[in-house]
PDB file of N, CA and C in Angstrom:
ATOM      1  N   MET A   1     109.356  61.919 221.736  1.00  0.00           N
ATOM      2  CA  MET A   1     109.964  61.624 220.457  1.00  0.00           C
ATOM      3  C   MET A   1     111.372  62.231 220.447  1.00  0.00           C
ATOM      4  N   SER A   2     112.342  61.463 219.995  1.00  0.00           N
ATOM      5  CA  SER A   2     113.726  61.935 219.985  1.00  0.00           C
ATOM      6  C   SER A   2     113.929  63.002 218.909  1.00  0.00           C
ATOM      7  N   ALA A   3     115.009  63.772 219.045  1.00  0.00           N
ATOM      8  CA  ALA A   3     115.331  64.806 218.052  1.00  0.00           C
ATOM      9  C   ALA A   3     115.543  64.178 216.683  1.00  0.00           C
ATOM     10  N   THR A   4     116.148  63.004 216.632  1.00  0.00           N
ATOM     11  CA  THR A   4     116.379  62.321 215.354  1.00  0.00           C
ATOM     12  C   THR A   4     115.052  61.926 214.703  1.00  0.00           C
ATOM     13  N   ALA A   5     114.123  61.415 215.502  1.00  0.00           N
ATOM     14  CA  ALA A   5     112.808  61.027 214.970  1.00  0.00           C
ATOM     15  C   ALA A   5     112.042  62.254 214.495  1.00  0.00           C
ATOM     16  N   ARG A   6     112.135  63.367 215.245  1.00  0.00           N
ATOM     17  CA  ARG A   6     111.465  64.606 214.824  1.00  0.00           C
ATOM     18  C   ARG A   6     112.060  65.124 213.519  1.00  0.00           C
ATOM     19  N   GLU A   7     113.370  65.069 213.399  1.00  0.00           N
ATOM     20  CA  GLU A   7     114.012  65.520 212.162  1.00  0.00           C
ATOM     21  C   GLU A   7     113.595  64.637 210.987  1.00  0.00           C
ATOM     22  N   ARG A   8     113.531  63.348 211.195  1.00  0.00           N
ATOM     23  CA  ARG A   8     113.106  62.425 210.130  1.00  0.00           C
ATOM     24  C   ARG A   8     111.664  62.727 209.707  1.00  0.00           C
ATOM     25  N   ARG A   9     110.781  62.986 210.692  1.00  0.00           N
ATOM     26  CA  ARG A   9     109.386  63.330 210.390  1.00  0.00           C
ATOM     27  C   ARG A   9     109.319  64.630 209.595  1.00  0.00           C
ATOM     28  N   ARG A  10     110.146  65.600 209.962  1.00  0.00           N
ATOM     29  CA  ARG A  10     110.188  66.869 209.237  1.00  0.00           C
ATOM     30  C   ARG A  10     110.603  66.664 207.791  1.00  0.00           C
ATOM     31  N   LEU A  11     111.608  65.848 207.572  1.00  0.00           N
ATOM     32  CA  LEU A  11     112.073  65.592 206.207  1.00  0.00           C
ATOM     33  C   LEU A  11     110.989  64.900 205.383  1.00  0.00           C
ATOM     34  N   LEU A  12     110.240  63.984 206.007  1.00  0.00           N
ATOM     35  CA  LEU A  12     109.134  63.327 205.305  1.00  0.00           C
ATOM     36  C   LEU A  12     108.036  64.339 204.951  1.00  0.00           C
ATOM     37  N   LEU A  13     107.745  65.276 205.850  1.00  0.00           N
ATOM     38  CA  LEU A  13     106.757  66.311 205.559  1.00  0.00           C
ATOM     39  C   LEU A  13     107.224  67.196 204.401  1.00  0.00           C
ATOM     40  N   LEU A  14     108.518  67.474 204.341  1.00  0.00           N
ATOM     41  CA  LEU A  14     109.039  68.281 203.237  1.00  0.00           C
ATOM     42  C   LEU A  14     108.934  67.527 201.913  1.00  0.00           C
ATOM     43  N   GLU A  15     109.114  66.220 201.946  1.00  0.00           N
ATOM     44  CA  GLU A  15     108.910  65.418 200.733  1.00  0.00           C
ATOM     45  C   GLU A  15     107.433  65.445 200.332  1.00  0.00           C
ATOM     46  N   ASP A  16     106.533  65.368 201.315  1.00  0.00           N
ATOM     47  CA  ASP A  16     105.096  65.480 201.032  1.00  0.00           C
ATOM     48  C   ASP A  16     104.780  66.832 200.398  1.00  0.00           C
ATOM     49  N   LEU A  17     105.398  67.889 200.911  1.00  0.00           N
ATOM     50  CA  LEU A  17     105.190  69.219 200.357  1.00  0.00           C
ATOM     51  C   LEU A  17     105.634  69.268 198.897  1.00  0.00           C
ATOM     52  N   ALA A  18     106.801  68.733 198.602  1.00  0.00           N
ATOM     53  CA  ALA A  18     107.295  68.739 197.215  1.00  0.00           C
ATOM     54  C   ALA A  18     106.329  67.997 196.295  1.00  0.00           C
ATOM     55  N   ARG A  19     105.818  66.866 196.751  1.00  0.00           N
ATOM     56  CA  ARG A  19     104.849  66.111 195.943  1.00  0.00           C
ATOM     57  C   ARG A  19     103.557  66.905 195.741  1.00  0.00           C
ATOM     58  N   ALA A  20     103.091  67.592 196.791  1.00  0.00           N
ATOM     59  CA  ALA A  20     101.857  68.374 196.697  1.00  0.00           C
ATOM     60  C   ALA A  20     102.026  69.548 195.725  1.00  0.00           C
ATOM     61  N   VAL A  21     103.159  70.222 195.775  1.00  0.00           N
ATOM     62  CA  VAL A  21     103.418  71.337 194.853  1.00  0.00           C
ATOM     63  C   VAL A  21     103.476  70.814 193.420  1.00  0.00           C
ATOM     64  N   SER A  22     104.203  69.720 193.202  1.00  0.00           N
ATOM     65  CA  SER A  22     104.298  69.139 191.854  1.00  0.00           C
ATOM     66  C   SER A  22     102.919  68.742 191.342  1.00  0.00           C
ATOM     67  N   ALA A  23     102.107  68.114 192.196  1.00  0.00           N
ATOM     68  CA  ALA A  23     100.768  67.682 191.787  1.00  0.00           C
ATOM     69  C   ALA A  23      99.896  68.881 191.430  1.00  0.00           C
ATOM     70  N   ASP A  24      99.959  69.956 192.228  1.00  0.00           N
ATOM     71  CA  ASP A  24      99.168  71.141 191.942  1.00  0.00           C
ATOM     72  C   ASP A  24      99.592  71.752 190.604  1.00  0.00           C
ATOM     73  N   ALA A  25     100.886  71.838 190.366  1.00  0.00           N
ATOM     74  CA  ALA A  25     101.380  72.423 189.116  1.00  0.00           C
ATOM     75  C   ALA A  25     100.959  71.574 187.913  1.00  0.00           C
ATOM     76  N   ARG A  26     101.003  70.255 188.057  1.00  0.00           N
ATOM     77  CA  ARG A  26     100.617  69.369 186.943  1.00  0.00           C
ATOM     78  C   ARG A  26      99.144  69.510 186.576  1.00  0.00           C
ATOM     79  N   GLU A  27      98.301  69.862 187.541  1.00  0.00           N
ATOM     80  CA  GLU A  27      96.862  69.984 187.300  1.00  0.00           C
ATOM     81  C   GLU A  27      96.489  71.260 186.566  1.00  0.00           C
ATOM     82  N   ARG A  28      97.408  72.192 186.445  1.00  0.00           N
ATOM     83  CA  ARG A  28      97.099  73.470 185.787  1.00  0.00           C
ATOM     84  C   ARG A  28      97.142  73.298 184.271  1.00  0.00           C
ATOM     85  N   PRO A  29      96.191  73.896 183.570  1.00  0.00           N
ATOM     86  CA  PRO A  29      96.141  73.739 182.111  1.00  0.00           C
ATOM     87  C   PRO A  29      97.409  74.248 181.435  1.00  0.00           C
ATOM     88  N   GLY A  30      97.877  73.498 180.428  1.00  0.00           N
ATOM     89  CA  GLY A  30      99.011  73.926 179.626  1.00  0.00           C
ATOM     90  C   GLY A  30     100.356  73.850 180.312  1.00  0.00           C
ATOM     91  N   THR A  31     100.437  73.139 181.426  1.00  0.00           N
ATOM     92  CA  THR A  31     101.682  73.053 182.167  1.00  0.00           C
ATOM     93  C   THR A  31     102.664  72.118 181.474  1.00  0.00           C
ATOM     94  N   ALA A  32     103.901  72.569 181.366  1.00  0.00           N
ATOM     95  CA  ALA A  32     104.973  71.708 180.871  1.00  0.00           C
ATOM     96  C   ALA A  32     105.221  70.618 181.913  1.00  0.00           C
ATOM     97  N   PRO A  33     105.860  69.516 181.522  1.00  0.00           N
ATOM     98  CA  PRO A  33     106.156  68.476 182.512  1.00  0.00           C
ATOM     99  C   PRO A  33     106.971  69.031 183.683  1.00  0.00           C
ATOM    100  N   ILE A  34     106.632  68.599 184.881  1.00  0.00           N
ATOM    101  CA  ILE A  34     107.340  69.027 186.090  1.00  0.00           C
ATOM    102  C   ILE A  34     108.498  68.065 186.318  1.00  0.00           C
ATOM    103  N   LEU A  35     109.720  68.597 186.334  1.00  0.00           N
ATOM    104  CA  LEU A  35     110.918  67.777 186.526  1.00  0.00           C
ATOM    105  C   LEU A  35     111.161  67.462 187.996  1.00  0.00           C
ATOM    106  N   GLN A  36     110.924  68.446 188.855  1.00  0.00           N
ATOM    107  CA  GLN A  36     111.160  68.307 190.294  1.00  0.00           C
ATOM    108  C   GLN A  36     110.575  69.525 190.969  1.00  0.00           C
ATOM    109  N   THR A  37     110.548  69.518 192.282  1.00  0.00           N
ATOM    110  CA  THR A  37     110.159  70.703 193.038  1.00  0.00           C
ATOM    111  C   THR A  37     111.282  71.039 194.001  1.00  0.00           C
ATOM    112  N   ASP A  38     111.790  72.261 193.880  1.00  0.00           N
ATOM    113  CA  ASP A  38     112.830  72.763 194.780  1.00  0.00           C
ATOM    114  C   ASP A  38     112.170  73.542 195.899  1.00  0.00           C
ATOM    115  N   ARG A  39     112.749  73.503 197.112  1.00  0.00           N
ATOM    116  CA  ARG A  39     112.226  74.263 198.238  1.00  0.00           C
ATOM    117  C   ARG A  39     113.378  74.851 199.037  1.00  0.00           C
ATOM    118  N   GLU A  40     113.139  76.048 199.535  1.00  0.00           N
ATOM    119  CA  GLU A  40     114.120  76.724 200.371  1.00  0.00           C
ATOM    120  C   GLU A  40     113.423  77.831 201.147  1.00  0.00           C
ATOM    121  N   PRO A  41     114.068  78.351 202.192  1.00  0.00           N
ATOM    122  CA  PRO A  41     113.455  79.488 202.887  1.00  0.00           C
ATOM    123  C   PRO A  41     113.283  80.656 201.925  1.00  0.00           C
ATOM    124  N   PRO A  42     112.197  81.428 202.047  1.00  0.00           N
ATOM    125  CA  PRO A  42     111.981  82.558 201.142  1.00  0.00           C
ATOM    126  C   PRO A  42     112.993  83.668 201.394  1.00  0.00           C
ATOM    127  N   PRO A  43     113.118  84.615 200.447  1.00  0.00           N
ATOM    128  CA  PRO A  43     114.017  85.753 200.675  1.00  0.00           C
ATOM    129  C   PRO A  43     113.682  86.427 201.997  1.00  0.00           C
ATOM    130  N   GLY A  44     114.681  86.802 202.726  1.00  0.00           N
ATOM    131  CA  GLY A  44     114.458  87.368 204.050  1.00  0.00           C
ATOM    132  C   GLY A  44     114.606  86.312 205.116  1.00  0.00           C
ATOM    133  N   GLY A  45     114.621  85.047 204.690  1.00  0.00           N
ATOM    134  CA  GLY A  45     115.009  83.896 205.453  1.00  0.00           C
ATOM    135  C   GLY A  45     114.230  83.489 206.674  1.00  0.00           C
ATOM    136  N   ALA A  46     113.806  82.282 206.690  1.00  0.00           N
ATOM    137  CA  ALA A  46     113.235  81.648 207.875  1.00  0.00           C
ATOM    138  C   ALA A  46     114.329  80.790 208.502  1.00  0.00           C
ATOM    139  N   ALA A  47     114.099  80.331 209.704  1.00  0.00           N
ATOM    140  CA  ALA A  47     115.077  79.454 210.350  1.00  0.00           C
ATOM    141  C   ALA A  47     115.150  78.135 209.592  1.00  0.00           C
ATOM    142  N   PRO A  48     116.291  77.461 209.664  1.00  0.00           N
ATOM    143  CA  PRO A  48     116.415  76.158 208.983  1.00  0.00           C
ATOM    144  C   PRO A  48     115.338  75.184 209.454  1.00  0.00           C
ATOM    145  N   VAL A  49     114.821  74.387 208.530  1.00  0.00           N
ATOM    146  CA  VAL A  49     113.745  73.461 208.879  1.00  0.00           C
ATOM    147  C   VAL A  49     114.231  72.321 209.749  1.00  0.00           C
ATOM    148  N   ARG A  50     115.521  72.122 209.838  1.00  0.00           N
ATOM    149  CA  ARG A  50     116.043  71.048 210.690  1.00  0.00           C
ATOM    150  C   ARG A  50     116.115  71.444 212.163  1.00  0.00           C
ATOM    151  N   ASP A  51     115.829  72.693 212.473  1.00  0.00           N
ATOM    152  CA  ASP A  51     115.804  73.153 213.857  1.00  0.00           C
ATOM    153  C   ASP A  51     114.541  72.595 214.498  1.00  0.00           C
ATOM    154  N   VAL A  52     114.675  71.504 215.248  1.00  0.00           N
ATOM    155  CA  VAL A  52     113.507  70.788 215.777  1.00  0.00           C
ATOM    156  C   VAL A  52     112.741  71.595 216.824  1.00  0.00           C
ATOM    157  N   ARG A  53     113.274  72.730 217.243  1.00  0.00           N
ATOM    158  CA  ARG A  53     112.530  73.588 218.171  1.00  0.00           C
ATOM    159  C   ARG A  53     111.469  74.397 217.448  1.00  0.00           C
ATOM    160  N   ARG A  54     111.604  74.564 216.131  1.00  0.00           N
ATOM    161  CA  ARG A  54     110.654  75.355 215.343  1.00  0.00           C
ATOM    162  C   ARG A  54     109.386  74.559 215.084  1.00  0.00           C
ATOM    163  N   ARG A  55     108.249  75.184 215.335  1.00  0.00           N
ATOM    164  CA  ARG A  55     106.967  74.522 215.089  1.00  0.00           C
ATOM    165  C   ARG A  55     106.577  74.597 213.615  1.00  0.00           C
ATOM    166  N   ARG A  56     106.876  75.737 212.982  1.00  0.00           N
ATOM    167  CA  ARG A  56     106.466  75.958 211.597  1.00  0.00           C
ATOM    168  C   ARG A  56     107.658  76.469 210.782  1.00  0.00           C
ATOM    169  N   ALA A  57     107.566  76.261 209.478  1.00  0.00           N
ATOM    170  CA  ALA A  57     108.578  76.800 208.565  1.00  0.00           C
ATOM    171  C   ALA A  57     107.883  77.374 207.339  1.00  0.00           C
ATOM    172  N   ARG A  58     108.326  78.543 206.920  1.00  0.00           N
ATOM    173  CA  ARG A  58     107.881  79.137 205.659  1.00  0.00           C
ATOM    174  C   ARG A  58     108.892  78.750 204.599  1.00  0.00           C
ATOM    175  N   LEU A  59     108.396  78.388 203.411  1.00  0.00           N
ATOM    176  CA  LEU A  59     109.284  77.963 202.332  1.00  0.00           C
ATOM    177  C   LEU A  59     108.864  78.586 201.013  1.00  0.00           C
ATOM    178  N   ALA A  60     109.853  78.824 200.172  1.00  0.00           N
ATOM    179  CA  ALA A  60     109.615  79.198 198.778  1.00  0.00           C
ATOM    180  C   ALA A  60     109.876  77.936 197.966  1.00  0.00           C
ATOM    181  N   CYS A  61     108.957  77.594 197.089  1.00  0.00           N
ATOM    182  CA  CYS A  61     109.074  76.380 196.278  1.00  0.00           C
ATOM    183  C   CYS A  61     108.953  76.737 194.807  1.00  0.00           C
ATOM    184  N   VAL A  62     109.582  75.935 193.956  1.00  0.00           N
ATOM    185  CA  VAL A  62     109.437  76.084 192.510  1.00  0.00           C
ATOM    186  C   VAL A  62     109.183  74.709 191.925  1.00  0.00           C
ATOM    187  N   ALA A  63     108.065  74.571 191.211  1.00  0.00           N
ATOM    188  CA  ALA A  63     107.802  73.361 190.432  1.00  0.00           C
ATOM    189  C   ALA A  63     108.557  73.560 189.118  1.00  0.00           C
ATOM    190  N   VAL A  64     109.702  72.914 189.003  1.00  0.00           N
ATOM    191  CA  VAL A  64     110.654  73.165 187.913  1.00  0.00           C
ATOM    192  C   VAL A  64     110.187  72.509 186.613  1.00  0.00           C
ATOM    193  N   THR A  65     110.131  73.337 185.546  1.00  0.00           N
ATOM    194  CA  THR A  65     109.772  72.830 184.225  1.00  0.00           C
ATOM    195  C   THR A  65     110.989  72.716 183.307  1.00  0.00           C
ATOM    196  N   SER A  66     112.045  73.487 183.589  1.00  0.00           N
ATOM    197  CA  SER A  66     113.284  73.370 182.820  1.00  0.00           C
ATOM    198  C   SER A  66     114.437  73.967 183.619  1.00  0.00           C
ATOM    199  N   GLU A  67     115.631  73.541 183.254  1.00  0.00           N
ATOM    200  CA  GLU A  67     116.841  74.028 183.905  1.00  0.00           C
ATOM    201  C   GLU A  67     117.848  74.389 182.824  1.00  0.00           C
ATOM    202  N   PHE A  68     118.711  75.331 183.141  1.00  0.00           N
ATOM    203  CA  PHE A  68     119.799  75.624 182.217  1.00  0.00           C
ATOM    204  C   PHE A  68     121.107  75.665 182.984  1.00  0.00           C
ATOM    205  N   GLU A  69     122.147  75.160 182.319  1.00  0.00           N
ATOM    206  CA  GLU A  69     123.458  74.977 182.941  1.00  0.00           C
ATOM    207  C   GLU A  69     124.218  76.297 183.070  1.00  0.00           C
ATOM    208  N   ARG A  70     125.094  76.321 184.017  1.00  0.00           N
ATOM    209  CA  ARG A  70     126.015  77.438 184.181  1.00  0.00           C
ATOM    210  C   ARG A  70     126.979  77.435 182.999  1.00  0.00           C
ATOM    211  N   SER A  71     127.281  78.609 182.490  1.00  0.00           N
ATOM    212  CA  SER A  71     128.241  78.748 181.396  1.00  0.00           C
ATOM    213  C   SER A  71     128.956  80.084 181.548  1.00  0.00           C
ATOM    214  N   HIS A  72     129.794  80.409 180.570  1.00  0.00           N
ATOM    215  CA  HIS A  72     130.483  81.702 180.622  1.00  0.00           C
ATOM    216  C   HIS A  72     129.496  82.868 180.486  1.00  0.00           C
ATOM    217  N   ALA A  73     128.317  82.601 179.934  1.00  0.00           N
ATOM    218  CA  ALA A  73     127.324  83.651 179.700  1.00  0.00           C
ATOM    219  C   ALA A  73     126.228  83.717 180.757  1.00  0.00           C
ATOM    220  N   THR A  74     126.095  82.687 181.609  1.00  0.00           N
ATOM    221  CA  THR A  74     125.002  82.661 182.580  1.00  0.00           C
ATOM    222  C   THR A  74     125.426  81.923 183.847  1.00  0.00           C
ATOM    223  N   SER A  75     124.742  82.233 184.920  1.00  0.00           N
ATOM    224  CA  SER A  75     125.021  81.558 186.191  1.00  0.00           C
ATOM    225  C   SER A  75     124.192  80.286 186.337  1.00  0.00           C
ATOM    226  N   GLY A  76     123.391  79.956 185.304  1.00  0.00           N
ATOM    227  CA  GLY A  76     122.528  78.778 185.379  1.00  0.00           C
ATOM    228  C   GLY A  76     121.261  79.109 186.135  1.00  0.00           C
ATOM    229  N   GLY A  77     120.327  78.190 186.101  1.00  0.00           N
ATOM    230  CA  GLY A  77     119.104  78.449 186.831  1.00  0.00           C
ATOM    231  C   GLY A  77     117.985  77.492 186.472  1.00  0.00           C
ATOM    232  N   THR A  78     116.815  77.810 186.977  1.00  0.00           N
ATOM    233  CA  THR A  78     115.626  76.994 186.743  1.00  0.00           C
ATOM    234  C   THR A  78     114.480  77.884 186.298  1.00  0.00           C
ATOM    235  N   VAL A  79     113.539  77.264 185.608  1.00  0.00           N
ATOM    236  CA  VAL A  79     112.313  77.932 185.186  1.00  0.00           C
ATOM    237  C   VAL A  79     111.170  77.063 185.704  1.00  0.00           C
ATOM    238  N   GLY A  80     110.137  77.689 186.219  1.00  0.00           N
ATOM    239  CA  GLY A  80     109.016  76.904 186.714  1.00  0.00           C
ATOM    240  C   GLY A  80     107.955  77.765 187.358  1.00  0.00           C
ATOM    241  N   PHE A  81     107.089  77.106 188.109  1.00  0.00           N
ATOM    242  CA  PHE A  81     105.964  77.755 188.764  1.00  0.00           C
ATOM    243  C   PHE A  81     106.298  77.981 190.237  1.00  0.00           C
ATOM    244  N   PRO A  82     106.296  79.247 190.695  1.00  0.00           N
ATOM    245  CA  PRO A  82     106.638  79.528 192.092  1.00  0.00           C
ATOM    246  C   PRO A  82     105.457  79.341 193.044  1.00  0.00           C
ATOM    247  N   TYR A  83     105.783  78.894 194.231  1.00  0.00           N
ATOM    248  CA  TYR A  83     104.817  78.709 195.307  1.00  0.00           C
ATOM    249  C   TYR A  83     105.424  79.225 196.608  1.00  0.00           C
ATOM    250  N   ARG A  84     104.571  79.565 197.542  1.00  0.00           N
ATOM    251  CA  ARG A  84     104.967  79.800 198.925  1.00  0.00           C
ATOM    252  C   ARG A  84     104.225  78.764 199.741  1.00  0.00           C
ATOM    253  N   ALA A  85     104.860  78.303 200.804  1.00  0.00           N
ATOM    254  CA  ALA A  85     104.245  77.254 201.616  1.00  0.00           C
ATOM    255  C   ALA A  85     104.587  77.449 203.086  1.00  0.00           C
ATOM    256  N   VAL A  86     103.717  76.907 203.918  1.00  0.00           N
ATOM    257  CA  VAL A  86     103.961  76.838 205.352  1.00  0.00           C
ATOM    258  C   VAL A  86     103.775  75.383 205.766  1.00  0.00           C
ATOM    259  N   VAL A  87     104.747  74.868 206.501  1.00  0.00           N
ATOM    260  CA  VAL A  87     104.674  73.510 207.038  1.00  0.00           C
ATOM    261  C   VAL A  87     104.549  73.626 208.544  1.00  0.00           C
ATOM    262  N   ASP A  88     103.498  73.022 209.095  1.00  0.00           N
ATOM    263  CA  ASP A  88     103.330  72.958 210.546  1.00  0.00           C
ATOM    264  C   ASP A  88     103.813  71.582 210.968  1.00  0.00           C
ATOM    265  N   PHE A  89     104.979  71.540 211.565  1.00  0.00           N
ATOM    266  CA  PHE A  89     105.605  70.263 211.883  1.00  0.00           C
ATOM    267  C   PHE A  89     104.886  69.502 212.992  1.00  0.00           C
ATOM    268  N   ARG A  90     104.217  70.207 213.887  1.00  0.00           N
ATOM    269  CA  ARG A  90     103.511  69.513 214.979  1.00  0.00           C
ATOM    270  C   ARG A  90     102.255  68.822 214.488  1.00  0.00           C
ATOM    271  N   SER A  91     101.476  69.527 213.656  1.00  0.00           N
ATOM    272  CA  SER A  91     100.212  68.940 213.193  1.00  0.00           C
ATOM    273  C   SER A  91     100.383  68.124 211.915  1.00  0.00           C
ATOM    274  N   GLY A  92     101.474  68.375 211.184  1.00  0.00           N
ATOM    275  CA  GLY A  92     101.687  67.705 209.907  1.00  0.00           C
ATOM    276  C   GLY A  92     100.943  68.367 208.759  1.00  0.00           C
ATOM    277  N   ARG A  93     100.364  69.559 208.991  1.00  0.00           N
ATOM    278  CA  ARG A  93      99.611  70.256 207.944  1.00  0.00           C
ATOM    279  C   ARG A  93     100.537  71.031 207.020  1.00  0.00           C
ATOM    280  N   LEU A  94     100.145  71.020 205.744  1.00  0.00           N
ATOM    281  CA  LEU A  94     100.870  71.756 204.710  1.00  0.00           C
ATOM    282  C   LEU A  94      99.906  72.756 204.084  1.00  0.00           C
ATOM    283  N   THR A  95     100.349  73.982 203.891  1.00  0.00           N
ATOM    284  CA  THR A  95      99.561  74.986 203.188  1.00  0.00           C
ATOM    285  C   THR A  95     100.428  75.519 202.060  1.00  0.00           C
ATOM    286  N   LEU A  96      99.881  75.520 200.836  1.00  0.00           N
ATOM    287  CA  LEU A  96     100.668  76.039 199.716  1.00  0.00           C
ATOM    288  C   LEU A  96      99.833  76.981 198.889  1.00  0.00           C
ATOM    289  N   CYS A  97     100.503  77.974 198.316  1.00  0.00           N
ATOM    290  CA  CYS A  97      99.858  78.975 197.479  1.00  0.00           C
ATOM    291  C   CYS A  97     100.706  79.187 196.237  1.00  0.00           C
ATOM    292  N   ARG A  98     100.067  79.150 195.082  1.00  0.00           N
ATOM    293  CA  ARG A  98     100.747  79.489 193.831  1.00  0.00           C
ATOM    294  C   ARG A  98     100.950  80.990 193.846  1.00  0.00           C
ATOM    295  N   VAL A  99     102.131  81.450 193.454  1.00  0.00           N
ATOM    296  CA  VAL A  99     102.470  82.864 193.486  1.00  0.00           C
ATOM    297  C   VAL A  99     102.573  83.390 192.062  1.00  0.00           C
ATOM    298  N   ALA A 100     101.908  84.489 191.791  1.00  0.00           N
ATOM    299  CA  ALA A 100     102.019  85.149 190.492  1.00  0.00           C
ATOM    300  C   ALA A 100     102.867  86.401 190.685  1.00  0.00           C
ATOM    301  N   GLY A 101     104.051  86.384 190.115  1.00  0.00           N
ATOM    302  CA  GLY A 101     104.960  87.517 190.264  1.00  0.00           C
ATOM    303  C   GLY A 101     104.898  88.452 189.080  1.00  0.00           C
ATOM    304  N   GLN A 102     105.634  89.522 189.188  1.00  0.00           N
ATOM    305  CA  GLN A 102     105.744  90.469 188.091  1.00  0.00           C
ATOM    306  C   GLN A 102     106.727  89.897 187.077  1.00  0.00           C
ATOM    307  N   ALA A 103     106.367  89.915 185.817  1.00  0.00           N
ATOM    308  CA  ALA A 103     107.234  89.359 184.786  1.00  0.00           C
ATOM    309  C   ALA A 103     108.560  90.108 184.718  1.00  0.00           C
ATOM    310  N   GLY A 104     109.615  89.365 184.411  1.00  0.00           N
ATOM    311  CA  GLY A 104     110.924  89.980 184.214  1.00  0.00           C
ATOM    312  C   GLY A 104     111.920  89.550 185.266  1.00  0.00           C
ATOM    313  N   GLU A 105     113.176  89.767 184.944  1.00  0.00           N
ATOM    314  CA  GLU A 105     114.259  89.388 185.852  1.00  0.00           C
ATOM    315  C   GLU A 105     114.112  90.152 187.158  1.00  0.00           C
ATOM    316  N   GLY A 106     114.219  89.444 188.253  1.00  0.00           N
ATOM    317  CA  GLY A 106     114.078  90.061 189.564  1.00  0.00           C
ATOM    318  C   GLY A 106     112.640  90.309 189.965  1.00  0.00           C
ATOM    319  N   GLY A 107     111.693  89.783 189.205  1.00  0.00           N
ATOM    320  CA  GLY A 107     110.281  90.036 189.464  1.00  0.00           C
ATOM    321  C   GLY A 107     109.813  89.585 190.834  1.00  0.00           C
ATOM    322  N   PHE A 108     110.459  88.590 191.405  1.00  0.00           N
ATOM    323  CA  PHE A 108     110.045  88.118 192.728  1.00  0.00           C
ATOM    324  C   PHE A 108     110.824  88.794 193.848  1.00  0.00           C
ATOM    325  N   ALA A 109     111.843  89.542 193.490  1.00  0.00           N
ATOM    326  CA  ALA A 109     112.619  90.256 194.497  1.00  0.00           C
ATOM    327  C   ALA A 109     112.016  91.647 194.768  1.00  0.00           C
ATOM    328  N   ARG A 110     111.239  92.155 193.823  1.00  0.00           N
ATOM    329  CA  ARG A 110     110.610  93.470 193.986  1.00  0.00           C
ATOM    330  C   ARG A 110     109.370  93.364 194.858  1.00  0.00           C
ATOM    331  N   ARG A 111     108.932  94.503 195.348  1.00  0.00           N
ATOM    332  CA  ARG A 111     107.703  94.559 196.142  1.00  0.00           C
ATOM    333  C   ARG A 111     106.529  94.116 195.279  1.00  0.00           C
ATOM    334  N   ARG A 112     105.724  93.223 195.798  1.00  0.00           N
ATOM    335  CA  ARG A 112     104.588  92.700 195.045  1.00  0.00           C
ATOM    336  C   ARG A 112     103.350  93.543 195.272  1.00  0.00           C
ATOM    337  N   LEU A 113     102.554  93.698 194.212  1.00  0.00           N
ATOM    338  CA  LEU A 113     101.280  94.387 194.343  1.00  0.00           C
ATOM    339  C   LEU A 113     100.263  93.495 195.037  1.00  0.00           C
ATOM    340  N   VAL A 114     100.351  92.189 194.786  1.00  0.00           N
ATOM    341  CA  VAL A 114      99.461  91.216 195.429  1.00  0.00           C
ATOM    342  C   VAL A 114     100.338  90.254 196.208  1.00  0.00           C
ATOM    343  N   ARG A 115     100.172  90.206 197.493  1.00  0.00           N
ATOM    344  CA  ARG A 115     100.980  89.327 198.343  1.00  0.00           C
ATOM    345  C   ARG A 115     100.293  87.974 198.486  1.00  0.00           C
ATOM    346  N   PRO A 116     101.097  86.916 198.744  1.00  0.00           N
ATOM    347  CA  PRO A 116     100.495  85.608 199.006  1.00  0.00           C
ATOM    348  C   PRO A 116      99.604  85.671 200.246  1.00  0.00           C
ATOM    349  N   SER A 117      98.691  84.737 200.344  1.00  0.00           N
ATOM    350  CA  SER A 117      97.793  84.644 201.488  1.00  0.00           C
ATOM    351  C   SER A 117      98.593  84.551 202.791  1.00  0.00           C
ATOM    352  N   PRO A 118      98.094  85.146 203.871  1.00  0.00           N
ATOM    353  CA  PRO A 118      98.759  84.979 205.170  1.00  0.00           C
ATOM    354  C   PRO A 118      98.912  83.498 205.561  1.00  0.00           C
ATOM    355  N   ALA A 119      98.015  82.649 205.082  1.00  0.00           N
ATOM    356  CA  ALA A 119      98.120  81.220 205.380  1.00  0.00           C
ATOM    357  C   ALA A 119      99.401  80.610 204.803  1.00  0.00           C
ATOM    358  N   CYS A 120      99.947  81.258 203.772  1.00  0.00           N
ATOM    359  CA  CYS A 120     101.182  80.790 203.144  1.00  0.00           C
ATOM    360  C   CYS A 120     102.368  81.648 203.553  1.00  0.00           C
ATOM    361  N   GLY A 121     102.249  82.362 204.622  1.00  0.00           N
ATOM    362  CA  GLY A 121     103.351  83.165 205.110  1.00  0.00           C
ATOM    363  C   GLY A 121     103.362  84.572 204.567  1.00  0.00           C
ATOM    364  N   GLY A 122     102.294  84.953 203.825  1.00  0.00           N
ATOM    365  CA  GLY A 122     102.018  86.266 203.271  1.00  0.00           C
ATOM    366  C   GLY A 122     103.135  87.149 203.081  1.00  0.00           C
TER     367      GLY A 122
END
C-alpha cells in the first residue's frame, strides 16, 4: 500500500473516531447537542498521525457542546465532554474512554487522581 493510500486510510479512521466519540456522548443522559468532535494529540504530545510509520496514535478528543469566540476578555474556546482514544492504524481498531477531570480551569492539566484506562493511552 502506498504512503498516500495509508495516509488516506488513517484520515478515514480518524473520521470514524470522531463519529464514535460523538455517538457515545449523545447516548449519555442529559447531554446537550453535540456540535462536532475535535481531536488532537494529548498534552505531552504524541507523534503526528500523518506519520505513516506510526502504528498507533494516542489522541485527546472533545465532543463539543458549545463554543465561545475570542474577544478582548477571552481567548475563546470550547465546552464539551473529554475523551482519550487510541487508534491502531494497522488493525483499524479504535479504543475510546470518557475522561472525568477535576472541575475548574486547568482541571485536565493537573495530575489526575483517576487516570484513563491503559487501553486509552492511560
